[in-house]
Structure formats: structure tokens, C-alpha cells
Protein backbone atom coordinates (compact mmCIF):
# COMPACT_ATOMS: atom_id res chain seq x y z
CA MET A 1 -18.21 9.35 -32.42
CA ASP A 2 -18.32 7.71 -29.00
CA TYR A 3 -16.64 4.28 -29.04
CA PRO A 4 -16.99 1.73 -26.21
CA ASN A 5 -13.71 1.79 -24.29
CA LEU A 6 -12.22 -1.49 -23.08
CA LEU A 7 -11.16 0.19 -19.83
CA GLU A 8 -14.65 1.55 -19.18
CA ASN A 9 -16.02 -1.93 -19.84
CA VAL A 10 -13.93 -3.22 -16.95
CA PHE A 11 -16.17 -1.44 -14.48
CA LEU A 12 -19.33 -2.73 -16.13
CA GLU A 13 -18.32 -6.34 -16.74
CA ASN A 14 -16.69 -6.83 -13.35
CA ALA A 15 -19.44 -4.94 -11.48
CA LEU A 16 -16.96 -3.03 -9.36
CA ASP A 17 -18.52 -1.34 -6.38
CA GLY A 18 -17.55 1.90 -4.70
CA ALA A 19 -14.83 0.24 -2.63
CA GLU A 20 -13.04 -0.98 -5.75
CA ALA A 21 -13.78 1.44 -8.56
CA CYS A 22 -12.93 4.88 -7.27
CA SER A 23 -14.23 8.18 -8.54
CA THR A 24 -13.64 11.59 -7.03
CA GLU A 25 -16.03 14.16 -5.78
CA PRO A 26 -16.63 16.99 -8.29
CA ALA A 27 -13.18 18.42 -8.91
CA ALA A 28 -12.35 22.09 -8.67
CA GLY A 29 -11.28 23.77 -11.88
CA VAL A 30 -12.90 21.27 -14.29
CA GLY A 31 -16.44 22.57 -14.43
CA GLY A 32 -17.71 20.41 -11.62
CA GLU A 33 -17.23 17.20 -13.55
CA THR A 34 -16.32 13.99 -11.76
CA ALA A 35 -12.80 12.67 -12.28
CA PRO A 36 -12.53 9.29 -14.04
CA ARG A 37 -12.18 5.96 -12.31
CA ALA A 38 -8.69 4.54 -12.13
CA LEU A 39 -7.00 1.19 -12.59
CA VAL A 40 -3.49 -0.17 -12.22
CA TRP A 41 -2.27 -1.50 -15.56
CA ARG A 42 -0.50 -4.74 -14.67
CA GLN A 43 0.37 -6.25 -18.02
CA LEU A 44 -0.76 -7.66 -21.33
CA ARG A 45 -1.00 -11.40 -20.69
CA TRP A 46 -1.42 -14.32 -23.05
CA VAL A 47 -4.14 -16.76 -22.04
CA ASP A 48 -4.92 -19.72 -24.29
CA ARG A 49 -2.88 -17.96 -26.99
CA ARG A 50 -5.05 -14.84 -26.87
CA PRO A 51 -4.05 -11.39 -25.54
CA VAL A 52 -5.77 -10.31 -22.34
CA LEU A 53 -5.47 -7.03 -20.45
CA GLU A 54 -4.62 -7.68 -16.79
CA LEU A 55 -5.63 -4.75 -14.63
CA GLU A 56 -6.13 -4.12 -10.92
CA ALA A 57 -8.89 -2.15 -9.30
CA VAL A 58 -8.03 0.61 -6.85
CA GLU A 59 -9.65 1.65 -3.62
CA ALA A 60 -9.68 4.91 -1.71
CA GLU A 61 -7.55 5.04 1.42
CA PRO A 62 -6.45 8.13 3.35
CA GLY A 63 -2.72 8.73 3.31
CA GLN A 64 -2.07 6.84 0.06
CA PRO A 65 -0.97 8.39 -3.28
CA ARG A 66 -3.59 10.65 -4.80
CA LEU A 67 -4.94 10.53 -8.33
CA ASN A 68 -4.52 13.76 -10.25
CA GLY A 69 -6.57 13.90 -13.45
CA ALA A 70 -9.42 15.60 -15.21
CA ALA A 71 -12.61 13.93 -16.33
CA ASN A 72 -12.21 15.02 -19.94
CA GLY A 73 -8.47 14.30 -20.06
CA THR A 74 -7.59 17.84 -21.17
CA ALA A 75 -5.94 19.18 -18.00
CA PRO A 76 -5.00 18.00 -14.52
CA ALA A 77 -7.66 18.44 -11.87
CA GLU A 78 -6.82 20.48 -8.80
CA ALA A 79 -8.44 17.94 -6.48
CA GLU A 80 -6.65 14.66 -5.82
CA LEU A 81 -7.85 11.29 -4.57
CA PRO A 82 -5.98 8.93 -2.19
CA VAL A 83 -5.88 5.49 -3.84
CA ARG A 84 -4.11 2.16 -3.51
CA PRO A 85 -4.33 -1.14 -5.42
CA ALA A 86 -7.21 -3.24 -4.11
CA GLY A 87 -5.53 -6.60 -4.71
CA ARG A 88 -8.18 -7.77 -7.19
CA ARG A 89 -6.86 -8.60 -10.67
CA LEU A 90 -9.27 -8.13 -13.57
CA ARG A 91 -8.90 -9.60 -17.05
CA VAL A 92 -10.36 -8.18 -20.24
CA PRO A 93 -9.85 -9.84 -23.64
CA LEU A 94 -8.13 -7.64 -26.19
CA THR A 95 -10.57 -8.17 -29.04
CA PRO A 96 -9.78 -7.14 -32.65
CA GLY A 97 -11.39 -3.83 -33.56
CA ALA A 98 -11.92 -2.78 -29.95
CA TYR A 99 -11.12 0.79 -28.90
CA LEU A 100 -8.70 1.30 -26.00
CA GLY A 101 -8.22 4.77 -24.57
CA LEU A 102 -6.26 5.72 -21.48
CA ARG A 103 -3.96 8.23 -19.88
CA VAL A 104 -1.19 7.64 -17.31
CA ALA A 105 -2.07 9.39 -14.04
CA LEU A 106 0.59 11.81 -12.82
CA ASP A 107 1.20 13.15 -9.33
CA ALA A 108 1.79 16.82 -8.48
CA SER A 109 5.45 16.50 -9.49
CA GLY A 110 4.55 15.03 -12.89
CA ALA A 111 5.68 11.49 -12.00
CA PRO A 112 3.48 8.44 -12.68
CA TYR A 113 2.08 6.36 -9.83
CA ARG A 114 3.96 3.04 -9.96
CA PHE A 115 2.88 0.24 -7.64
CA CYS A 116 4.60 -2.97 -6.54
CA SER A 117 3.54 -5.99 -8.59
CA GLY A 118 3.61 -8.38 -5.62
CA TYR A 119 5.51 -11.65 -5.40
CA THR A 120 5.42 -15.24 -6.66
CA THR A 121 5.49 -18.49 -4.69
CA GLY A 122 5.16 -22.11 -5.63
CA SER A 123 1.71 -23.66 -5.66
CA THR A 124 0.69 -25.29 -2.39
CA ASP A 125 -1.32 -27.93 -4.27
CA PRO A 126 0.94 -31.02 -4.34
CA GLY A 127 -1.07 -32.47 -7.22
CA ALA A 128 -0.60 -29.46 -9.49
CA PRO A 129 2.91 -27.97 -9.33
CA GLY A 130 2.99 -24.41 -10.55
CA THR A 131 3.29 -20.83 -9.35
CA ARG A 132 0.98 -18.37 -7.63
CA ARG A 133 1.04 -14.59 -7.75
CA HIS A 134 0.32 -12.67 -4.53
CA PRO A 135 -0.54 -8.96 -4.27
CA CYS A 136 1.81 -6.72 -2.34
CA PRO A 137 0.53 -6.73 1.28
CA GLU A 138 1.47 -3.07 1.66
CA ALA A 139 0.18 -2.00 -1.81
CA ALA A 140 3.49 -0.15 -1.92
CA ARG A 141 4.27 2.64 -4.33
CA ILE A 142 7.72 2.26 -5.92
CA ASP A 143 9.97 4.56 -7.91
CA ARG A 144 11.39 2.00 -10.33
CA GLY A 145 11.45 -1.71 -11.14
CA GLN A 146 8.53 -3.99 -10.42
CA GLN A 147 8.74 -4.93 -6.74
CA CYS A 148 9.18 -3.25 -3.40
CA PRO A 149 12.09 -4.59 -1.28
CA ARG A 150 9.79 -6.70 0.90
CA CYS A 151 8.11 -8.46 -2.03
CA ALA A 152 11.47 -8.99 -3.72
CA ALA A 153 12.59 -10.76 -0.54
CA ARG A 154 9.37 -12.84 -0.42
CA ASP A 155 9.59 -13.90 -4.08
CA GLU A 156 10.36 -17.60 -4.50
CA PHE A 157 10.50 -17.63 -8.31
CA THR A 158 13.68 -15.54 -8.51
CA ALA A 159 15.73 -18.36 -6.99
CA LEU A 160 14.67 -20.67 -9.84
CA HIS A 161 16.96 -18.87 -12.30
CA SER A 162 20.06 -19.96 -10.36
CA ALA A 163 18.69 -23.14 -8.78
CA HIS A 164 20.91 -25.33 -10.98
CA LEU A 165 23.89 -23.60 -9.34
CA TYR A 166 22.44 -23.32 -5.82
CA PRO A 167 19.73 -26.03 -5.51
CA GLY A 168 19.34 -25.54 -1.78
CA THR A 169 17.73 -22.13 -2.31
CA LEU A 170 14.39 -23.53 -3.56
CA THR A 171 11.34 -23.99 -1.37
CA ASP A 172 9.57 -27.37 -1.54
CA SER A 173 6.78 -25.98 -3.71
CA MET A 174 9.17 -24.30 -6.13
CA ARG A 175 11.27 -27.46 -6.30
CA ALA A 176 8.15 -29.35 -7.36
CA TYR A 177 7.71 -26.79 -10.16
CA ALA A 178 11.38 -27.08 -11.13
CA MET A 179 10.97 -30.84 -11.48
CA LEU A 180 8.41 -30.40 -14.27
CA GLU A 181 9.41 -31.12 -17.86
CA HIS A 182 11.17 -28.13 -19.44
CA ARG A 183 12.13 -27.11 -22.96
CA LEU A 184 14.99 -25.08 -24.37
CA TYR A 185 14.30 -22.70 -27.23
CA ILE A 186 16.19 -20.39 -29.55
CA ALA A 187 14.28 -17.21 -30.36
CA THR A 188 15.09 -14.71 -33.10
CA PHE A 189 13.74 -11.16 -33.05
CA PRO A 190 12.84 -9.02 -36.07
CA ASP A 191 16.23 -7.27 -36.03
CA GLY A 192 18.06 -10.60 -36.37
CA THR A 193 19.24 -10.83 -32.75
CA HIS A 194 18.67 -13.96 -30.66
CA LYS A 195 18.12 -15.28 -27.17
CA VAL A 196 18.10 -18.71 -25.60
CA GLY A 197 15.39 -19.41 -23.05
CA THR A 198 13.39 -22.06 -21.23
CA SER A 199 9.73 -22.90 -20.79
CA SER A 200 8.09 -25.36 -18.43
CA LEU A 201 5.38 -27.90 -19.11
CA THR A 202 2.79 -25.39 -17.88
CA SER A 203 4.23 -22.33 -19.68
CA THR A 204 4.57 -23.79 -23.19
CA PRO A 205 3.80 -22.14 -25.61
CA ARG A 206 2.76 -19.13 -23.49
CA ARG A 207 6.35 -18.24 -22.64
CA LEU A 208 7.20 -17.61 -26.29
CA ASP A 209 3.85 -15.91 -26.90
CA GLU A 210 4.96 -13.35 -24.31
CA GLN A 211 8.38 -12.74 -25.88
CA ALA A 212 7.42 -10.93 -29.12
CA VAL A 213 9.81 -13.09 -31.14
CA ALA A 214 9.89 -13.15 -34.93
CA THR A 215 10.50 -16.89 -34.98
CA ALA A 216 11.60 -19.56 -32.53
CA THR A 217 12.51 -23.24 -32.36
CA TYR A 218 12.46 -25.65 -29.43
CA VAL A 219 15.82 -27.45 -29.58
CA ALA A 220 15.96 -29.60 -26.43
CA LEU A 221 13.80 -31.27 -23.81
CA ALA A 222 14.71 -32.21 -20.24
CA SER A 223 12.73 -33.96 -17.53
CA ASP A 224 13.35 -31.07 -15.12
CA GLY A 225 14.13 -27.37 -15.05
CA LEU A 226 17.52 -27.72 -13.38
CA ALA A 227 18.97 -29.72 -16.24
CA ILE A 228 17.50 -27.42 -18.87
CA ARG A 229 19.04 -24.38 -17.19
CA ARG A 230 22.44 -26.01 -17.28
CA ALA A 231 21.91 -26.50 -21.01
CA GLU A 232 20.83 -22.88 -21.34
CA ASP A 233 24.05 -21.69 -19.72
CA ALA A 234 26.06 -23.95 -22.03
CA VAL A 235 24.45 -22.41 -25.14
CA THR A 236 25.25 -18.95 -23.83
CA ALA A 237 28.87 -19.85 -23.02
CA LEU A 238 29.66 -21.95 -26.10
CA ALA A 239 27.46 -20.40 -28.81
CA GLY A 240 27.46 -16.82 -27.55
CA ILE A 241 23.66 -16.56 -27.49
CA GLY A 242 22.41 -14.39 -24.65
CA GLN A 243 19.49 -15.03 -22.32
CA VAL A 244 17.96 -11.55 -22.13
CA LYS A 245 16.62 -8.98 -24.58
CA GLN A 246 15.17 -5.82 -23.10
CA VAL A 247 11.64 -4.72 -24.03
CA VAL A 248 12.89 -1.41 -25.46
CA SER A 249 15.23 -3.32 -27.77
CA LYS A 250 12.41 -5.67 -28.80
CA TYR A 251 10.19 -2.72 -29.67
CA ARG A 252 12.93 -1.15 -31.77
CA ALA A 253 13.39 -4.50 -33.54
CA TRP A 254 9.71 -4.66 -34.47
CA THR A 255 9.68 -1.17 -35.90
CA HIS A 256 12.95 -1.73 -37.83
CA PRO A 257 12.82 -5.37 -38.98
CA LEU A 258 15.12 -7.19 -41.36
CA PRO A 259 13.75 -8.71 -44.59
CA GLY A 260 12.15 -12.11 -44.07
CA ALA A 261 14.86 -14.04 -45.93
CA GLN A 262 17.58 -12.54 -43.73
CA LEU A 263 15.59 -13.38 -40.60
CA ARG A 264 15.19 -17.01 -41.63
CA THR A 265 18.89 -17.33 -42.38
CA ALA A 266 19.85 -15.68 -39.10
CA HIS A 267 17.55 -17.99 -37.14
CA GLU A 268 18.79 -21.14 -38.86
CA ASP A 269 22.36 -20.12 -38.09
CA ALA A 270 21.56 -19.51 -34.40
CA VAL A 271 19.80 -22.87 -34.10
CA ALA A 272 22.77 -24.63 -35.70
CA ARG A 273 25.19 -22.94 -33.30
CA ALA A 274 22.99 -23.91 -30.34
CA ARG A 275 22.88 -27.55 -31.45
CA ALA A 276 26.65 -27.64 -31.81
CA ALA A 277 27.02 -26.15 -28.34
CA LEU A 278 24.66 -28.74 -26.84
CA THR A 279 26.56 -31.56 -28.53
CA GLU A 280 29.81 -30.31 -27.05
CA PHE A 281 28.19 -29.82 -23.64
CA LEU A 282 26.70 -33.35 -23.56
CA ALA A 283 30.06 -34.82 -24.48
CA ARG A 284 31.36 -33.32 -21.25
CA GLU A 285 28.22 -34.23 -19.25
CA PRO A 286 27.17 -37.69 -20.51
CA ASP A 287 24.91 -38.33 -17.52
CA LEU A 288 22.70 -35.33 -18.24
CA GLN A 289 19.32 -36.43 -19.58
CA LEU A 290 18.61 -34.16 -22.54
CA SER A 291 16.63 -34.99 -25.68
CA ALA A 292 17.00 -33.14 -28.97
CA LEU A 293 13.96 -31.34 -30.38
CA ASP A 294 13.29 -29.69 -33.71
CA GLU A 295 9.90 -28.12 -33.11
CA PRO A 296 8.98 -24.68 -34.43
CA TRP A 297 6.94 -22.23 -32.41
CA VAL A 298 3.96 -21.04 -34.47
CA PRO A 299 2.32 -17.63 -33.89
CA SER A 300 -1.36 -17.75 -32.91
CA LEU A 301 -4.19 -16.25 -34.96
CA ALA A 302 -4.32 -13.30 -32.54
CA MET A 303 -0.83 -12.34 -33.76
CA ASN A 304 -1.69 -12.25 -37.47
CA ARG A 305 -1.59 -8.48 -37.99
CA PRO A 306 1.87 -7.74 -36.52
CA TYR A 307 3.37 -10.88 -38.06
CA ALA A 308 1.95 -10.04 -41.48
CA ALA A 309 4.40 -7.11 -41.55
CA LEU A 310 7.28 -9.56 -41.11
CA ARG A 311 6.05 -12.07 -43.66
CA ALA A 312 5.90 -9.54 -46.48
CA ARG A 313 8.52 -9.96 -49.21
CA ASN A 314 9.72 -6.46 -48.37
CA PRO A 315 9.30 -5.56 -44.69
CA GLU A 316 6.32 -3.33 -43.99
CA PRO A 317 7.12 -2.44 -40.39
CA LEU A 318 4.50 -1.11 -38.05
CA ALA A 319 5.29 2.51 -37.24
CA PRO A 320 6.48 3.42 -33.74
CA CYS A 321 4.51 5.83 -31.59
CA ASP A 322 5.68 8.25 -28.92
CA SER A 323 5.69 7.40 -25.24
CA THR A 324 2.65 8.53 -23.25
CA LEU A 325 4.36 8.59 -19.85
CA ASP A 326 3.94 12.38 -19.93
CA GLY A 327 0.20 11.96 -19.37
CA SER A 328 -0.81 12.40 -23.00
CA THR A 329 -3.69 10.38 -24.38
CA ALA A 330 -3.19 6.90 -25.80
CA GLY A 331 -6.20 5.90 -27.89
CA PHE A 332 -6.47 3.44 -30.76
CA PHE A 333 -8.31 0.54 -32.35
CA CYS A 334 -6.63 -2.82 -31.64
CA THR A 335 -5.87 -5.21 -34.49
CA GLY A 336 -3.63 -7.78 -32.82
CA ALA A 337 -0.65 -8.22 -30.55
CA ALA A 338 2.85 -9.64 -30.24
CA GLY A 339 4.20 -10.07 -26.73
CA GLN A 340 3.56 -6.79 -24.89
CA PHE A 341 3.04 -4.86 -28.13
CA VAL A 342 -0.36 -4.06 -29.66
CA SER A 343 -0.82 -3.43 -33.37
CA ALA A 344 -3.27 -0.59 -33.84
CA HIS A 345 -4.66 2.23 -35.98
CA VAL A 346 -6.69 5.40 -35.40
CA GLY A 347 -9.17 5.00 -38.24
CA ASP A 348 -7.21 3.82 -41.26
CA PRO A 349 -6.27 0.12 -40.95
CA ASP A 350 -3.55 0.60 -43.58
CA ALA A 351 -1.86 3.25 -41.43
CA ALA A 352 -0.89 0.82 -38.69
CA PHE A 353 1.45 1.39 -35.76
CA LEU A 354 2.77 -0.50 -32.75
CA VAL A 355 2.00 0.38 -29.13
CA ASN A 356 4.43 -0.63 -26.37
CA THR A 357 2.10 -1.43 -23.47
CA ALA A 358 5.08 -2.53 -21.33
CA GLU A 359 5.75 1.13 -20.49
CA TRP A 360 2.42 1.19 -18.58
CA ARG A 361 3.22 -1.86 -16.47
CA ASN A 362 2.25 -1.32 -12.81
CA LEU A 363 1.20 2.28 -13.47
CA LEU A 364 -2.04 3.96 -12.46
CA VAL A 365 -4.10 4.78 -15.56
CA VAL A 366 -7.45 6.41 -16.17
CA PRO A 367 -9.88 5.75 -19.04
CA ASP A 368 -9.68 8.56 -21.57
CA ARG A 369 -11.06 9.62 -24.94
CA GLY A 370 -9.08 10.61 -27.99
CA PHE A 371 -6.45 9.10 -30.22
CA THR A 372 -2.71 8.50 -30.13
CA ARG A 373 -0.70 11.03 -32.09
CA VAL A 374 1.22 9.17 -34.76
CA ARG A 375 2.80 9.97 -38.09
CA VAL A 376 1.94 7.06 -40.30
CA GLN A 377 1.69 6.97 -44.08
CA GLY A 378 -1.22 4.84 -45.19
CA SER A 379 -1.32 2.56 -48.19
CA LEU A 380 -0.73 4.29 -51.54
CA PHE A 381 -2.76 1.72 -53.46
């Protein structure tokens, strides 16, 4: 059966013209069929507490990397197409029940096409402090990471992480953003590990929506981001709670979760340790303006399916699926999301699995047909 593909809908709903939605001439060795249009997968974003695919159109340009792929997705085409990101971001809601099918485009050496994500600056609107994302001016292809060296140098947001230590490194617009109200949170992941983090007035609750946490609590409020980052460092130093958890580790946590009772106990313990650390820190820094919070983060309705697996009396983890960076087909019906992960199935809703979309970030992908290969046991009852 032919299902509408969310990626194919991008070209219809955004009315991309020939300069933005590229297709090849009939390719040799594939029966004269036309190769599929391509997009750069940027990320799975959370907008108004709903998951949204953020993609970027590509345009043909001589001398740029060339797309290598067959129209039917069964074998690489012999003809290749020069493409580069067009600088136009496209957003498509990830609706429950929708089919998503794609394949990572590979070059002649078998490597994916990875493009620079651009850079972030502070908003130039003095009445609305915030951040702005800019496309890479060179549409540069990169081997690893998320930015080319030039965009990494242009990025103003990076300095915010250490601005409480080196305040003179912020631009005026980023300083205005740093002066917004900020919160400190303690997040616990399904494997019982934790992280401490911050969110601004404009990124709450989106920041935690993006993190794929099992549970989280806001524990402190500050009038600016510099003070809250000092508190964050104190929790790390005094309570031993780190500030980073890698996506690969998060994915493993979701596919191997602890029982719900253990998770709740682990989170309560981490929150208690963080509060004790903040009390000790404020005793040393009495002039720091920090207010205590006890506010839980609540998953949105769009997260119901993945979080249902955690709420069960006995964990019913979503099954992992293999990476598709080798160019194999990823195809599935979406049922929900948590952070960068999509809960999905290939026909049997009881045989659910979890897709790590973060591995596609900044990669060139092509719409494809077919289903993800997974080994999932469906419900026995």
C-alpha cells in the first residue's frame, strides 16, 4: 500500500520550485527513472510542546557535493547531482500515525553528506531578547560535529556557557538574552542517571522537552542567566551531578529503563542533593539572588506513547533499532516522540520501537519507501 510520506509532503506543502527541490535527470543504471528529491535533515524540534521536523531544502550548484541515490531506494544510481543547502528551513509537524520514510544519501566512498548547521547570534530586536539562527554562508560540507570552523568562530551562543566566568566575552545582544530570567533544573533519565541544566524565560519548557528526560524538577530561579550558571556549577561541584548526557547514552537509557519506582527514588535523591548543594553555595555567596523552586516538568500529550512505557508497573521499553547511516531504509509510522527520539511501529502498534533521529542531524536524506528492519515482539495478549 502506498502511504503519504511526510518528506514527500514537504515539497507539496512548501511549494518548492526547481531551484530549491532538486531532482536529477534520468539516471543511468536505474531504468531511466528520476532520482528522488533531497533534503538536509536538521533536527527534530519542539514547538509549542509538539514535535516538528526541521528540514532544509537543497539547490543544485556545480562543484558542490553530489547526491548518489536511486529513485526506488534499492541501489545507488551511477549519476550524481551537485547539491548544497539552500538556506531555507522547512518545518513539518510530526503527526501521530503519519508515515515517515527516508534514506541517508551516501557519496561514492560510502560516507554521508554532512553539512554545517550555521551559527547563532543574539536577537537584534532590543524589545525582544533572544537568539537567531543563521545558515552557513558557505553551505560547507563537514566531516564531523555540527559546524564548520568559520561558523564556530561566528557563533555568539557558545560564549554564554562560560559567561559567568568571562562576562566580557558576550556581545550586547547576547548579554540582553543572558539577563533574562533563568531556571535551574534537575533531570533524571530512564536509566537513573541525572544532569543539572538551565533554561531561559523563552526556552521553558522547551529546553526539557528537547532533553528526552524521564522526569525533571525546576529547583531554582534567578533573575539572570549568569547567576543561574554559577548555581549550576555549584550543583556539579558539590552534589556531583553532571551537566551533559550524550544522545547515544540517552537512547540506551530509553531502551533499557529502570522500573518506575526506582526512577522516582533516584530523582528524589538527586533533587535533595541539589538542594543541599545550593544551600551550601548560598551560604558562601549571600549576595546571589536565587529563589528556591519545587516545580515538576510535565510531559506533553505528544509524548504519551514513549512515556507510557516508563509509567508501566514493570518497564515495557521501546525496542532499539539499527542505525541507518549505511544508507538502508528507515520507514515507520510515528506514534509520539521524546526529545530527538520517535516512537514508532511498522504495522503493529503493540510492536513498538524507538528511532534515534539525532543520527540524521545535518545529513542529506532522500524520501524513500519501505520499512525499518526491527526485531520486536508484539503483545502476547
